[in-house]
N, C-alpha and C. Protein backbone atom coordinates (compact mmCIF):
# COMPACT_ATOMS: atom_id res chain seq x y z
N MET A 1 93.54 119.92 109.16
CA MET A 1 94.28 119.16 110.24
C MET A 1 93.33 117.76 110.40
N ILE A 2 94.23 116.76 110.78
CA ILE A 2 93.57 115.15 110.87
C ILE A 2 93.64 115.03 112.40
N ASP A 3 92.58 114.60 113.10
CA ASP A 3 92.64 114.30 114.27
C ASP A 3 92.91 112.49 114.34
N LYS A 4 93.99 112.35 115.24
CA LYS A 4 94.30 111.02 115.31
C LYS A 4 94.39 110.58 116.66
N LEU A 5 93.95 109.24 117.13
CA LEU A 5 94.12 108.71 118.30
C LEU A 5 95.38 107.84 118.50
N VAL A 6 96.20 108.28 119.33
CA VAL A 6 97.79 107.78 119.27
C VAL A 6 97.99 107.22 120.90
N LYS A 7 98.53 106.01 120.74
CA LYS A 7 99.00 105.40 121.90
C LYS A 7 100.03 106.21 122.71
N ILE A 8 100.16 106.24 123.92
CA ILE A 8 101.15 106.77 124.75
C ILE A 8 101.60 105.90 125.59
N LYS A 9 103.08 106.18 126.09
CA LYS A 9 103.60 105.21 127.09
C LYS A 9 103.18 105.79 128.43
N GLY A 10 102.83 104.97 129.22
CA GLY A 10 102.52 105.45 130.75
C GLY A 10 101.55 106.54 130.64
N GLY A 11 100.80 107.05 131.80
CA GLY A 11 100.02 108.23 132.00
C GLY A 11 98.56 107.58 131.56
N LYS A 12 97.70 108.48 131.92
CA LYS A 12 96.27 108.18 131.70
C LYS A 12 95.79 108.88 130.25
N GLY A 13 96.49 109.49 129.74
CA GLY A 13 96.16 110.02 128.30
C GLY A 13 95.66 111.34 128.38
N GLY A 14 95.22 111.89 127.43
CA GLY A 14 94.33 113.13 127.57
C GLY A 14 92.92 113.26 127.60
N LEU A 15 92.38 113.88 126.72
CA LEU A 15 90.87 113.79 126.66
C LEU A 15 90.25 112.67 126.11
N SER A 16 91.00 111.78 125.65
CA SER A 16 90.43 110.44 125.00
C SER A 16 89.56 109.69 125.92
N SER A 17 88.69 109.07 125.56
CA SER A 17 87.87 108.18 126.31
C SER A 17 88.74 106.78 126.53
N ARG A 18 89.79 106.62 125.82
CA ARG A 18 90.51 105.36 125.85
C ARG A 18 91.75 105.71 126.92
N PRO A 19 91.86 104.98 127.86
CA PRO A 19 93.16 105.13 128.67
C PRO A 19 94.33 104.79 127.88
N GLY A 20 95.53 105.66 127.98
CA GLY A 20 96.59 105.25 127.52
C GLY A 20 96.55 105.74 126.17
N TYR A 21 95.75 106.57 125.72
CA TYR A 21 95.87 107.15 124.32
C TYR A 21 95.46 108.57 124.25
N LYS A 22 95.84 109.35 123.32
CA LYS A 22 95.48 110.95 123.47
C LYS A 22 95.18 111.22 121.97
N HIS A 23 94.48 112.33 121.87
CA HIS A 23 94.12 112.93 120.50
C HIS A 23 95.31 113.69 120.08
N VAL A 24 95.74 113.67 118.84
CA VAL A 24 96.83 114.38 118.18
C VAL A 24 96.36 115.13 116.85
N CYS A 25 96.42 116.41 116.66
CA CYS A 25 96.07 116.99 115.37
C CYS A 25 97.41 117.14 114.82
N GLU A 26 97.38 116.56 113.41
CA GLU A 26 98.52 116.80 112.56
C GLU A 26 98.15 117.45 111.11
N PRO A 27 98.89 118.18 110.71
CA PRO A 27 98.54 118.77 109.43
C PRO A 27 98.37 117.77 108.35
N ALA A 28 97.13 117.98 107.56
CA ALA A 28 96.84 116.95 106.67
C ALA A 28 97.52 117.27 105.31
N THR A 29 97.87 116.32 104.74
CA THR A 29 98.47 116.28 103.28
C THR A 29 97.42 116.68 102.17
N ALA A 30 97.80 117.26 101.18
CA ALA A 30 96.93 117.79 99.98
C ALA A 30 96.26 116.42 99.66
N GLU A 31 96.98 115.35 99.60
CA GLU A 31 96.25 113.87 99.10
C GLU A 31 95.18 113.57 100.25
N GLN A 32 95.45 113.76 101.39
CA GLN A 32 94.26 113.29 102.35
C GLN A 32 93.19 114.18 102.16
N ILE A 33 93.43 115.52 102.11
CA ILE A 33 92.36 116.28 101.97
C ILE A 33 91.48 116.06 100.70
N LEU A 34 92.16 115.83 99.52
CA LEU A 34 91.45 115.46 98.35
C LEU A 34 90.70 114.40 98.57
N ARG A 35 91.38 113.18 98.86
CA ARG A 35 90.68 111.96 99.25
C ARG A 35 89.36 111.92 100.07
N SER A 36 89.45 112.92 101.25
CA SER A 36 88.30 113.07 102.18
C SER A 36 87.21 113.83 101.38
N LEU A 37 87.66 114.79 100.57
CA LEU A 37 86.60 115.54 99.88
C LEU A 37 86.06 114.64 98.75
N LYS A 38 86.71 114.04 97.93
CA LYS A 38 86.25 113.18 96.91
C LYS A 38 85.24 112.04 97.46
N LYS A 39 85.27 111.38 98.75
CA LYS A 39 84.48 110.54 99.35
C LYS A 39 83.20 111.31 99.79
N SER A 40 83.34 112.39 100.46
CA SER A 40 82.28 113.19 100.83
C SER A 40 81.38 113.48 99.58
N TYR A 41 81.98 114.07 98.76
CA TYR A 41 81.18 114.34 97.42
C TYR A 41 80.39 113.26 96.83
N LEU A 42 81.20 112.10 96.68
CA LEU A 42 80.62 110.72 96.21
C LEU A 42 79.33 110.50 97.09
N GLU A 43 79.53 110.31 98.30
CA GLU A 43 78.37 110.19 99.29
C GLU A 43 77.25 111.03 99.05
N PHE A 44 77.45 112.36 98.87
CA PHE A 44 76.51 113.21 98.77
C PHE A 44 75.70 112.95 97.47
N TYR A 45 76.53 112.80 96.51
CA TYR A 45 76.09 112.68 94.95
C TYR A 45 75.03 111.54 94.86
N ILE A 46 75.60 110.39 95.51
CA ILE A 46 74.68 109.25 95.66
C ILE A 46 73.30 109.43 96.24
N LYS A 47 73.39 110.01 97.22
CA LYS A 47 72.21 110.39 97.93
C LYS A 47 71.13 111.29 97.17
N GLU A 48 71.76 112.48 96.88
CA GLU A 48 71.17 113.48 96.30
C GLU A 48 70.78 113.50 94.86
N LYS A 49 71.62 112.88 93.97
CA LYS A 49 71.30 112.60 92.58
C LYS A 49 70.80 111.33 92.39
N LYS A 50 70.56 110.36 93.14
CA LYS A 50 70.08 109.05 92.96
C LYS A 50 70.86 108.37 91.97
N MET A 51 72.32 108.53 92.17
CA MET A 51 73.09 107.78 91.25
C MET A 51 73.07 106.17 91.30
N ASN A 52 73.50 105.45 90.47
CA ASN A 52 73.53 104.01 90.47
C ASN A 52 74.73 103.67 91.45
N SER A 53 74.74 102.63 92.23
CA SER A 53 75.72 102.22 93.21
C SER A 53 75.73 100.72 93.34
N ILE A 54 77.00 100.30 93.49
CA ILE A 54 77.10 98.74 93.64
C ILE A 54 77.95 98.71 95.12
N LYS A 55 77.44 97.58 95.91
CA LYS A 55 77.97 97.54 97.17
C LYS A 55 79.06 96.11 97.29
N PHE A 56 80.06 96.36 97.92
CA PHE A 56 81.02 95.27 98.05
C PHE A 56 81.32 95.17 99.71
N SER A 57 81.45 94.08 100.13
CA SER A 57 81.85 93.93 101.59
C SER A 57 83.43 93.60 101.54
N HIS A 58 83.98 93.27 100.58
CA HIS A 58 85.15 92.88 100.63
C HIS A 58 85.94 93.08 99.37
N ASP A 59 87.33 93.37 99.25
CA ASP A 59 87.94 93.70 98.21
C ASP A 59 88.94 92.25 97.85
N TRP A 60 88.08 91.34 97.28
CA TRP A 60 88.72 89.88 97.39
C TRP A 60 90.09 89.93 96.72
N ASN A 61 90.31 90.49 95.56
CA ASN A 61 91.68 90.32 95.04
C ASN A 61 92.41 91.66 94.55
N GLY A 62 91.89 92.68 95.38
CA GLY A 62 92.42 94.18 95.31
C GLY A 62 91.89 94.70 94.06
N LYS A 63 90.74 94.02 93.30
CA LYS A 63 90.36 94.78 92.08
C LYS A 63 89.85 96.22 92.24
N LEU A 64 89.33 96.34 93.64
CA LEU A 64 88.53 97.73 93.91
C LEU A 64 89.75 98.64 94.17
N SER A 65 90.85 98.18 94.77
CA SER A 65 91.60 99.21 95.31
C SER A 65 92.94 99.48 94.14
N LYS A 66 92.82 98.85 93.15
CA LYS A 66 93.71 99.01 91.93
C LYS A 66 93.81 100.39 91.34
N GLY A 67 92.72 100.81 91.47
CA GLY A 67 92.15 102.05 90.77
C GLY A 67 91.70 102.12 89.49
N ALA A 68 92.27 101.33 88.31
CA ALA A 68 91.60 101.49 87.18
C ALA A 68 91.64 100.14 86.39
N GLY A 69 90.99 100.05 85.51
CA GLY A 69 90.96 98.81 84.69
C GLY A 69 89.51 98.03 84.70
N ILE A 70 89.54 96.98 83.99
CA ILE A 70 88.15 96.21 83.83
C ILE A 70 88.24 95.05 85.04
N PHE A 71 87.25 95.09 85.69
CA PHE A 71 87.08 93.91 86.82
C PHE A 71 85.64 93.40 86.69
N THR A 72 85.30 92.14 87.29
CA THR A 72 84.15 91.51 87.25
C THR A 72 83.75 91.46 88.88
N THR A 73 82.41 91.13 88.92
CA THR A 73 81.75 90.77 89.93
C THR A 73 80.73 89.79 89.75
N ILE A 74 80.56 88.72 90.61
CA ILE A 74 79.58 87.76 90.36
C ILE A 74 78.44 87.78 91.51
N ARG A 75 77.38 87.83 91.18
CA ARG A 75 76.44 87.94 92.09
C ARG A 75 75.25 86.89 91.80
N LYS A 76 74.43 86.39 92.92
CA LYS A 76 73.34 85.61 92.65
C LYS A 76 72.28 86.23 91.78
N SER A 77 71.98 85.35 90.96
CA SER A 77 70.87 86.03 89.72
C SER A 77 69.41 85.78 90.52
N ASP A 78 68.81 86.97 90.38
CA ASP A 78 67.34 86.86 90.52
C ASP A 78 66.67 88.10 89.37
N PRO A 79 65.35 87.82 89.06
CA PRO A 79 64.81 88.81 88.15
C PRO A 79 65.10 90.27 88.10
N LYS A 80 64.96 90.55 89.55
CA LYS A 80 64.85 91.99 89.81
C LYS A 80 66.37 92.63 89.42
N LYS A 81 67.26 91.73 89.85
CA LYS A 81 68.70 92.28 89.54
C LYS A 81 69.19 92.17 88.05
N ASN A 82 68.63 91.10 87.67
CA ASN A 82 69.02 91.00 86.11
C ASN A 82 68.43 92.30 85.42
N ASP A 83 67.21 92.79 85.82
CA ASP A 83 66.53 93.85 85.00
C ASP A 83 67.26 94.96 85.40
N TYR A 84 67.58 95.17 86.67
CA TYR A 84 68.13 96.51 86.95
C TYR A 84 69.44 96.64 86.38
N TYR A 85 70.37 95.47 86.39
CA TYR A 85 71.80 95.79 85.72
C TYR A 85 71.57 95.78 84.30
N GLY A 86 70.75 95.12 83.75
CA GLY A 86 70.56 94.92 82.22
C GLY A 86 70.12 96.25 81.67
N GLU A 87 69.14 97.04 82.42
CA GLU A 87 68.83 98.35 81.82
C GLU A 87 69.82 99.50 82.06
N ARG A 88 71.19 99.08 82.74
CA ARG A 88 71.95 100.19 83.09
C ARG A 88 73.38 99.90 82.27
N ILE A 89 73.42 99.02 81.50
CA ILE A 89 74.57 98.75 80.73
C ILE A 89 75.12 100.44 80.05
N GLY A 90 76.27 100.69 80.44
CA GLY A 90 76.87 101.90 79.82
C GLY A 90 76.69 102.85 80.76
N GLU A 91 76.05 102.73 81.86
CA GLU A 91 75.95 103.81 82.91
C GLU A 91 76.92 103.58 83.93
N ILE A 92 77.25 104.84 84.62
CA ILE A 92 78.27 104.96 85.48
C ILE A 92 77.59 104.35 87.06
N PHE A 93 78.46 103.75 87.80
CA PHE A 93 78.01 103.28 89.04
C PHE A 93 79.07 103.69 90.20
N VAL A 94 78.57 103.98 91.42
CA VAL A 94 79.58 104.32 92.36
C VAL A 94 79.82 103.20 93.20
N LEU A 95 81.22 102.84 93.30
CA LEU A 95 81.68 101.59 94.11
C LEU A 95 81.65 102.00 95.60
N ILE A 96 80.81 101.09 96.33
CA ILE A 96 80.90 101.27 97.66
C ILE A 96 81.42 100.06 98.54
N LEU A 97 82.38 100.39 99.04
CA LEU A 97 83.11 99.35 99.94
C LEU A 97 82.92 99.46 101.50
N ASN A 98 82.26 98.58 101.90
CA ASN A 98 81.88 98.57 103.53
C ASN A 98 81.45 99.94 103.82
N GLY A 99 80.35 100.46 103.01
CA GLY A 99 79.79 101.72 103.30
C GLY A 99 80.44 102.90 102.85
N LYS A 100 81.57 102.91 102.29
CA LYS A 100 82.40 104.16 101.72
C LYS A 100 82.29 103.98 100.39
N ALA A 101 81.90 105.14 99.72
CA ALA A 101 82.13 105.47 98.31
C ALA A 101 83.87 105.60 98.02
N ILE A 102 84.25 104.51 97.09
CA ILE A 102 85.68 104.60 96.82
C ILE A 102 86.09 104.90 95.34
N GLY A 103 85.16 105.08 94.62
CA GLY A 103 85.38 105.48 93.05
C GLY A 103 84.13 105.21 92.26
N GLU A 104 84.15 105.27 90.98
CA GLU A 104 83.19 105.03 89.95
C GLU A 104 83.55 104.21 89.01
N ALA A 105 82.60 103.41 88.42
CA ALA A 105 82.92 102.54 87.14
C ALA A 105 81.77 102.38 86.18
N THR A 106 81.96 102.42 84.99
CA THR A 106 81.10 102.11 84.04
C THR A 106 80.59 100.52 83.97
N LEU A 107 79.38 100.37 83.93
CA LEU A 107 78.93 99.04 83.62
C LEU A 107 79.07 98.58 82.24
N VAL A 108 79.81 97.68 81.83
CA VAL A 108 80.32 97.27 80.37
C VAL A 108 79.45 96.10 79.76
N ASP A 109 79.17 95.20 80.67
CA ASP A 109 78.40 94.00 80.25
C ASP A 109 77.88 93.23 81.41
N ILE A 110 77.08 92.44 81.05
CA ILE A 110 76.25 91.52 82.05
C ILE A 110 75.93 90.21 81.29
N TRP A 111 75.99 89.20 81.92
CA TRP A 111 75.44 87.95 81.51
C TRP A 111 75.06 87.02 82.58
N SER A 112 74.21 86.19 82.24
CA SER A 112 73.64 85.24 83.35
C SER A 112 73.99 83.88 83.11
N CYS A 113 74.28 82.99 83.95
CA CYS A 113 74.67 81.64 83.52
C CYS A 113 74.35 80.68 84.99
N GLN A 114 74.47 79.32 84.74
CA GLN A 114 74.67 78.64 85.96
C GLN A 114 76.01 78.66 86.38
N PHE A 115 76.09 78.81 87.80
CA PHE A 115 77.43 78.98 88.34
C PHE A 115 78.57 77.75 87.80
N SER A 116 78.11 76.84 87.76
CA SER A 116 79.10 75.50 87.36
C SER A 116 79.46 75.84 85.95
N ASP A 117 78.97 76.71 85.19
CA ASP A 117 79.28 77.00 83.81
C ASP A 117 80.14 77.98 83.69
N LEU A 118 80.69 78.64 84.88
CA LEU A 118 81.70 79.75 84.79
C LEU A 118 83.10 78.83 84.58
N ASN A 119 83.94 79.43 83.89
CA ASN A 119 85.30 78.73 83.66
C ASN A 119 86.21 79.17 84.88
N PRO A 120 87.09 78.21 85.25
CA PRO A 120 88.13 78.49 86.43
C PRO A 120 88.83 79.70 86.12
N PRO A 121 89.43 79.95 85.12
CA PRO A 121 90.16 81.18 84.98
C PRO A 121 89.43 82.59 85.26
N LEU A 122 88.07 82.69 84.89
CA LEU A 122 87.27 83.80 85.38
C LEU A 122 87.11 83.63 86.83
N LEU A 123 86.76 82.64 87.54
CA LEU A 123 86.55 82.54 88.98
C LEU A 123 88.00 82.92 89.62
N MET A 124 89.10 82.39 89.06
CA MET A 124 90.41 82.78 89.77
C MET A 124 90.68 84.42 89.64
N VAL A 125 90.37 84.98 88.47
CA VAL A 125 90.59 86.55 88.23
C VAL A 125 89.85 87.26 89.33
N ASP A 126 88.30 86.67 89.38
CA ASP A 126 87.31 87.42 90.11
C ASP A 126 87.68 87.29 91.71
N THR A 127 88.06 86.18 92.14
CA THR A 127 88.26 86.13 93.43
C THR A 127 89.74 86.33 94.15
N GLY A 128 90.67 86.11 92.98
CA GLY A 128 92.05 86.01 93.72
C GLY A 128 92.66 84.72 94.29
N TYR A 129 91.62 83.71 94.09
CA TYR A 129 91.89 82.44 94.68
C TYR A 129 92.28 81.29 93.36
N LYS A 130 93.12 80.40 93.54
CA LYS A 130 93.63 79.66 92.59
C LYS A 130 92.90 78.04 92.90
N GLU A 131 92.84 77.94 94.11
CA GLU A 131 92.23 76.58 94.65
C GLU A 131 90.67 76.55 94.45
N GLN A 132 90.20 75.55 93.50
CA GLN A 132 88.80 75.43 93.41
C GLN A 132 87.82 75.35 94.77
N LEU A 133 88.42 74.59 95.76
CA LEU A 133 87.85 74.46 97.00
C LEU A 133 87.68 75.88 97.70
N LYS A 134 88.56 76.71 97.60
CA LYS A 134 88.46 78.11 98.24
C LYS A 134 87.39 78.82 97.71
N ILE A 135 87.38 78.65 96.23
CA ILE A 135 86.36 79.57 95.52
C ILE A 135 85.00 79.14 95.73
N GLU A 136 84.69 77.66 95.81
CA GLU A 136 83.48 77.48 96.10
C GLU A 136 83.15 77.54 97.48
N LYS A 137 84.11 77.62 98.44
CA LYS A 137 83.62 77.83 99.95
C LYS A 137 83.28 79.35 99.99
N LEU A 138 84.02 80.29 99.13
CA LEU A 138 83.76 81.68 99.10
C LEU A 138 82.21 81.89 98.66
N PHE A 139 82.10 81.23 97.45
CA PHE A 139 80.56 81.56 97.00
C PHE A 139 79.55 80.93 97.73
N ASN A 140 79.80 79.88 98.47
CA ASN A 140 78.91 79.11 99.41
C ASN A 140 78.61 79.97 100.49
N SER A 141 79.39 80.84 100.87
CA SER A 141 79.45 81.88 102.01
C SER A 141 78.28 82.95 101.58
N PHE A 142 78.27 83.34 100.18
CA PHE A 142 77.14 84.14 99.71
C PHE A 142 76.17 83.30 99.29
N LYS A 143 75.91 82.01 99.75
CA LYS A 143 74.67 81.31 99.44
C LYS A 143 74.53 81.08 97.63
N ILE A 144 75.70 80.89 97.09
CA ILE A 144 75.67 80.48 95.77
C ILE A 144 76.47 79.09 95.66
N GLY A 145 75.62 78.19 95.27
CA GLY A 145 76.02 76.72 94.87
C GLY A 145 76.28 76.52 93.50
N LYS A 146 76.74 75.33 92.93
CA LYS A 146 77.15 74.96 91.83
C LYS A 146 75.90 75.01 90.74
N LYS A 147 74.60 74.81 91.33
CA LYS A 147 73.52 74.79 90.51
C LYS A 147 72.59 76.14 90.31
N ASP A 148 73.10 76.96 91.06
CA ASP A 148 72.75 78.40 91.36
C ASP A 148 72.89 79.18 89.82
N ARG A 149 71.92 80.13 89.54
CA ARG A 149 72.21 80.88 88.34
C ARG A 149 72.78 82.39 88.93
N VAL A 150 73.90 82.69 88.37
CA VAL A 150 74.43 83.83 88.75
C VAL A 150 74.63 84.93 87.43
N ILE A 151 74.88 86.18 87.88
CA ILE A 151 74.98 87.30 87.00
C ILE A 151 76.51 87.78 87.08
N VAL A 152 77.12 87.91 86.03
CA VAL A 152 78.48 88.39 86.03
C VAL A 152 78.48 89.78 85.44
N LEU A 153 78.69 90.72 86.39
CA LEU A 153 78.76 91.99 85.96
C LEU A 153 80.24 92.51 85.66
N VAL A 154 80.51 93.14 84.45
CA VAL A 154 81.93 93.48 84.06
C VAL A 154 81.99 95.08 84.03
N PHE A 155 82.74 95.61 84.78
CA PHE A 155 82.83 97.08 85.10
C PHE A 155 84.22 97.55 84.38
N ASP A 156 84.30 98.96 84.23
CA ASP A 156 85.68 99.52 83.67
C ASP A 156 85.83 100.63 84.63
N ARG A 157 86.67 100.61 85.61
CA ARG A 157 86.92 101.72 86.58
C ARG A 157 87.29 102.78 85.89
N ILE A 158 86.55 104.21 86.28
CA ILE A 158 87.06 105.24 85.92
C ILE A 158 87.44 106.40 86.97
N SER A 159 87.39 105.86 88.11
CA SER A 159 88.01 106.80 89.27
C SER A 159 88.19 106.04 90.41
């Protein structure tokens, strides 16, 4: 069963702490149950088995929600990150989006360069933006400027 908070017309609602809403239990589909179990399992596995994980705050171009395939992520470079990821090429990482495990991917490659040396097509594919100004504004929000060194991580989604 899945507990949902549903808006109702008129009335004060049921046991909900929000006026005009009530809790409704609905049968869960097999897909919802499996998704819930998978997320719980991944979260447990990360904590208990000390698995590699990588965090994302946003799914910029849908690359995380598409399910499978090769994708990149560009991060500000620092020696600790470079060593961490460089030593883990070929290993599996749990993908964390806004604090929730959403799947797994194998780290395929990593390279470091100056941000200004990244070619526009790579930046477009990575961000989902065509306009250079939008791309620069996005990376500036992560404190990455043209002269900063970055690492490009290439992952192959496996689940």
